[in-house]
N, C-alpha and C. Protein backbone atom coordinates (compact mmCIF):
# COMPACT_ATOMS: atom_id res chain seq x y z
N MET A 1 -26.48 1.50 46.67
CA MET A 1 -26.75 2.43 45.61
C MET A 1 -26.12 1.88 44.32
N PRO A 2 -26.90 1.70 43.22
CA PRO A 2 -26.34 1.16 41.97
C PRO A 2 -25.47 2.19 41.25
N ARG A 3 -24.45 1.67 40.60
CA ARG A 3 -23.55 2.54 39.84
C ARG A 3 -24.15 2.87 38.47
N LYS A 4 -23.84 4.05 38.00
CA LYS A 4 -24.27 4.43 36.66
C LYS A 4 -23.30 3.83 35.65
N LYS A 5 -23.84 3.28 34.58
CA LYS A 5 -22.98 2.76 33.53
C LYS A 5 -22.63 3.90 32.59
N THR A 6 -21.35 4.08 32.40
CA THR A 6 -20.91 5.11 31.46
C THR A 6 -20.14 4.45 30.34
N THR A 7 -20.31 4.97 29.17
CA THR A 7 -19.58 4.45 28.02
C THR A 7 -18.63 5.53 27.52
N ALA A 8 -17.58 5.10 26.90
CA ALA A 8 -16.63 6.05 26.34
C ALA A 8 -17.28 6.77 25.17
N PRO A 9 -16.99 8.04 24.99
CA PRO A 9 -17.58 8.77 23.86
C PRO A 9 -17.07 8.20 22.53
N ALA A 10 -17.94 8.17 21.56
CA ALA A 10 -17.57 7.66 20.24
C ALA A 10 -16.57 8.60 19.59
N PRO A 11 -15.60 8.06 18.89
CA PRO A 11 -14.64 8.94 18.20
C PRO A 11 -15.36 9.74 17.12
N PRO A 12 -14.92 10.96 16.88
CA PRO A 12 -15.59 11.77 15.85
C PRO A 12 -15.43 11.13 14.47
N SER A 13 -16.47 11.24 13.68
CA SER A 13 -16.41 10.64 12.35
C SER A 13 -15.65 11.54 11.38
N CYS A 14 -15.13 10.95 10.34
CA CYS A 14 -14.34 11.65 9.33
C CYS A 14 -15.25 12.64 8.59
N PRO A 15 -14.82 13.90 8.42
CA PRO A 15 -15.67 14.89 7.73
C PRO A 15 -15.80 14.62 6.23
N VAL A 16 -14.87 13.90 5.65
CA VAL A 16 -14.91 13.66 4.20
C VAL A 16 -15.89 12.55 3.85
N CYS A 17 -15.81 11.42 4.54
CA CYS A 17 -16.65 10.27 4.21
C CYS A 17 -17.81 10.06 5.18
N GLN A 18 -17.98 10.94 6.17
CA GLN A 18 -19.02 10.85 7.18
C GLN A 18 -19.02 9.50 7.92
N GLY A 19 -17.84 8.92 8.11
CA GLY A 19 -17.70 7.70 8.90
C GLY A 19 -17.87 6.40 8.14
N SER A 20 -18.12 6.45 6.84
CA SER A 20 -18.32 5.20 6.09
C SER A 20 -17.00 4.57 5.65
N GLY A 21 -15.96 5.37 5.48
CA GLY A 21 -14.67 4.85 5.04
C GLY A 21 -14.54 4.79 3.53
N GLU A 22 -15.60 5.13 2.80
CA GLU A 22 -15.57 5.10 1.34
C GLU A 22 -16.04 6.45 0.79
N VAL A 23 -15.50 6.82 -0.35
CA VAL A 23 -15.94 8.02 -1.06
C VAL A 23 -16.28 7.64 -2.50
N SER A 24 -17.17 8.39 -3.11
CA SER A 24 -17.59 8.13 -4.48
C SER A 24 -17.06 9.21 -5.40
N ARG A 25 -16.66 8.80 -6.59
CA ARG A 25 -16.19 9.71 -7.63
C ARG A 25 -17.01 9.46 -8.89
N THR A 26 -17.38 10.50 -9.60
CA THR A 26 -18.12 10.37 -10.84
C THR A 26 -17.18 9.87 -11.93
N VAL A 27 -17.64 8.90 -12.72
CA VAL A 27 -16.86 8.35 -13.82
C VAL A 27 -17.31 9.02 -15.11
N HIS A 28 -16.35 9.58 -15.87
CA HIS A 28 -16.64 10.24 -17.14
C HIS A 28 -16.04 9.43 -18.28
N VAL A 29 -16.77 9.34 -19.40
CA VAL A 29 -16.27 8.63 -20.57
C VAL A 29 -16.51 9.46 -21.82
N GLY A 30 -15.76 9.14 -22.85
CA GLY A 30 -15.96 9.76 -24.16
C GLY A 30 -15.27 11.09 -24.31
N ARG A 31 -15.32 11.58 -25.54
CA ARG A 31 -14.65 12.83 -25.87
C ARG A 31 -15.33 14.02 -25.20
N LYS A 32 -16.64 13.96 -25.00
CA LYS A 32 -17.37 15.06 -24.37
C LYS A 32 -17.45 14.90 -22.85
N ARG A 33 -16.76 13.90 -22.32
CA ARG A 33 -16.66 13.66 -20.87
C ARG A 33 -18.04 13.51 -20.24
N ARG A 34 -18.83 12.62 -20.78
CA ARG A 34 -20.18 12.34 -20.30
C ARG A 34 -20.10 11.51 -19.01
N ALA A 35 -20.90 11.90 -18.01
CA ALA A 35 -20.94 11.16 -16.74
C ALA A 35 -21.77 9.90 -16.91
N VAL A 36 -21.23 8.73 -16.53
CA VAL A 36 -21.94 7.47 -16.69
C VAL A 36 -22.23 6.77 -15.37
N GLY A 37 -21.67 7.20 -14.28
CA GLY A 37 -21.91 6.54 -13.00
C GLY A 37 -20.93 6.98 -11.95
N GLU A 38 -20.88 6.22 -10.86
CA GLU A 38 -19.96 6.53 -9.77
C GLU A 38 -19.14 5.30 -9.42
N GLN A 39 -17.94 5.55 -8.95
CA GLN A 39 -17.04 4.50 -8.52
C GLN A 39 -16.65 4.79 -7.07
N THR A 40 -16.73 3.80 -6.19
CA THR A 40 -16.37 4.02 -4.80
C THR A 40 -14.92 3.58 -4.56
N GLY A 41 -14.31 4.24 -3.60
CA GLY A 41 -12.93 3.91 -3.24
C GLY A 41 -12.67 4.24 -1.79
N LEU A 42 -11.50 3.91 -1.33
CA LEU A 42 -11.07 4.12 0.04
C LEU A 42 -10.89 5.61 0.31
N CYS A 43 -11.37 6.07 1.44
CA CYS A 43 -11.20 7.46 1.84
C CYS A 43 -9.74 7.69 2.19
N LEU A 44 -9.10 8.63 1.53
CA LEU A 44 -7.68 8.90 1.78
C LEU A 44 -7.46 9.78 3.00
N ASN A 45 -8.52 10.42 3.50
CA ASN A 45 -8.38 11.26 4.68
C ASN A 45 -8.23 10.41 5.94
N CYS A 46 -9.05 9.36 6.08
CA CYS A 46 -9.00 8.52 7.28
C CYS A 46 -8.49 7.11 6.96
N LEU A 47 -8.14 6.85 5.73
CA LEU A 47 -7.65 5.56 5.25
C LEU A 47 -8.62 4.41 5.54
N GLY A 48 -9.91 4.71 5.40
CA GLY A 48 -10.93 3.67 5.51
C GLY A 48 -11.40 3.34 6.91
N SER A 49 -10.86 4.01 7.93
CA SER A 49 -11.28 3.68 9.30
C SER A 49 -12.61 4.34 9.67
N GLY A 50 -12.94 5.46 9.04
CA GLY A 50 -14.17 6.18 9.33
C GLY A 50 -14.06 7.14 10.50
N GLU A 51 -12.90 7.18 11.15
CA GLU A 51 -12.70 8.08 12.28
C GLU A 51 -11.89 9.29 11.84
N ALA A 52 -12.12 10.41 12.48
CA ALA A 52 -11.41 11.64 12.14
C ALA A 52 -9.93 11.49 12.46
N PRO A 53 -9.06 11.92 11.55
CA PRO A 53 -7.61 11.83 11.82
C PRO A 53 -7.20 12.76 12.96
N THR A 54 -6.22 12.34 13.72
CA THR A 54 -5.80 13.13 14.89
C THR A 54 -4.48 13.86 14.66
N ALA A 55 -3.96 13.81 13.47
CA ALA A 55 -2.67 14.48 13.23
C ALA A 55 -2.82 15.79 12.54
């Protein structure tokens, strides 16, 4: 009888960055704070790993 292959469940993804490890922030310039684009950075919730923190 062949054995069933089982894999470990994937760790839950980070709710802030949805598992990508990066988050985007809108960049504002000028006196009227006009939005000109987005800048990506490291997710501070999971520190770029993309997995949900366990603490």
